[in-house]
Amino acid sequence: MLHEIPLTAQDKKWQAESDARTLSEAKIINDDEPRMQSAKVAAEEMAAEERERAEALEDVAGDLDRKVSGLGRRKLNGMFPNTKR
C-alpha cells in the first residue's frame, strides 16, 4: 500500500468543491433520461474494451510465467542483474 500524504486544509476544500461539482453533474445526468441511456451504452462499450485489454494482459502474464518457469536461477539472475535475490 502506498503511503498516503495528509491533505492540507486547502486540498480538503478543493476536494469537497470538486466532489460537489461531480455530484451536481451526476444529478443532472440522472434526471435527463436520454442522456442517462447514452451514458449507460457508453459505459457498456467502455467495459467491453477494458475486459478485452485485461484479457490481453492476462495472456501476456501467462506467457511470461511460462517463459520464466523454463529458466534456471542463473539465467534469471543474468536477465535482471540489478535485482537482489
Protein backbone atom coordinates (compact mmCIF):
# COMPACT_ATOMS: atom_id res chain seq x y z
CA MET A 1 0.00 0.00 0.00
CA LEU A 2 1.25 3.44 -0.86
CA HIS A 3 1.94 5.91 1.90
CA GLU A 4 -0.83 8.46 1.92
CA ILE A 5 0.16 12.09 2.22
CA PRO A 6 -2.14 14.03 4.56
CA LEU A 7 -4.29 16.63 2.82
CA THR A 8 -3.89 20.27 3.70
CA ALA A 9 -6.93 22.38 4.58
CA GLN A 10 -6.74 23.91 1.10
CA ASP A 11 -6.62 20.42 -0.51
CA LYS A 12 -9.62 19.29 1.55
CA LYS A 13 -11.58 22.38 0.48
CA TRP A 14 -10.71 21.81 -3.18
CA GLN A 15 -11.69 18.13 -2.90
CA ALA A 16 -15.05 18.99 -1.29
CA GLU A 17 -15.79 21.55 -4.02
CA SER A 18 -14.78 19.10 -6.74
CA ASP A 19 -16.98 16.39 -5.20
CA ALA A 20 -19.90 18.84 -5.04
CA ARG A 21 -19.48 19.65 -8.74
CA THR A 22 -19.28 15.92 -9.58
CA LEU A 23 -22.42 15.11 -7.59
CA SER A 24 -24.27 18.05 -9.16
CA GLU A 25 -23.34 16.85 -12.66
CA ALA A 26 -24.40 13.29 -11.77
CA LYS A 27 -27.83 14.56 -10.65
CA ILE A 28 -28.27 16.47 -13.90
CA ILE A 29 -27.38 13.34 -15.91
CA ASN A 30 -29.65 11.10 -13.82
CA ASP A 31 -32.59 13.48 -14.36
CA ASP A 32 -32.08 13.53 -18.16
CA GLU A 33 -33.34 10.10 -19.34
CA PRO A 34 -31.88 10.19 -22.92
CA ARG A 35 -28.53 11.37 -21.57
CA MET A 36 -28.57 8.65 -18.90
CA GLN A 37 -29.33 5.97 -21.50
CA SER A 38 -26.47 7.22 -23.69
CA ALA A 39 -24.14 7.11 -20.70
CA LYS A 40 -25.18 3.50 -19.95
CA VAL A 41 -24.50 2.44 -23.55
CA ALA A 42 -21.11 4.18 -23.44
CA ALA A 43 -20.32 2.51 -20.11
CA GLU A 44 -21.11 -0.93 -21.55
CA GLU A 45 -18.83 -0.26 -24.54
CA MET A 46 -16.05 1.02 -22.29
CA ALA A 47 -16.38 -2.02 -20.01
CA ALA A 48 -16.11 -4.36 -23.01
CA GLU A 49 -12.92 -2.58 -24.13
CA GLU A 50 -11.45 -2.82 -20.63
CA ARG A 51 -12.29 -6.56 -20.45
CA GLU A 52 -10.53 -7.06 -23.79
CA ARG A 53 -7.46 -5.20 -22.51
CA ALA A 54 -7.50 -7.20 -19.26
CA GLU A 55 -7.66 -10.48 -21.19
CA ALA A 56 -4.69 -9.41 -23.31
CA LEU A 57 -2.73 -8.58 -20.14
CA GLU A 58 -3.62 -11.97 -18.66
CA ASP A 59 -2.37 -13.64 -21.85
CA VAL A 60 0.91 -11.74 -21.62
CA ALA A 61 1.30 -12.58 -17.93
CA GLY A 62 0.62 -16.26 -18.65
CA ASP A 63 3.17 -16.28 -21.49
CA LEU A 64 5.73 -14.59 -19.25
CA ASP A 65 5.11 -17.12 -16.45
CA ARG A 66 5.68 -20.00 -18.87
CA LYS A 67 8.86 -18.43 -20.27
CA VAL A 68 10.31 -17.61 -16.86
CA SER A 69 9.50 -21.01 -15.35
CA GLY A 70 11.67 -22.66 -18.02
CA LEU A 71 14.73 -20.67 -16.99
CA GLY A 72 17.13 -21.65 -14.27
CA ARG A 73 18.08 -19.27 -11.47
CA ARG A 74 21.39 -18.37 -13.18
CA LYS A 75 19.65 -17.32 -16.38
CA LEU A 76 17.11 -15.32 -14.42
CA ASN A 77 19.82 -13.51 -12.46
CA GLY A 78 21.61 -12.77 -15.72
CA MET A 79 18.46 -11.24 -17.17
CA PHE A 80 17.95 -8.99 -14.16
CA PRO A 81 21.45 -8.22 -12.87
CA ASN A 82 20.37 -5.28 -10.69
CA THR A 83 17.78 -7.33 -8.83
CA LYS A 84 18.81 -8.62 -5.41
CA ARG A 85 17.53 -12.09 -4.52
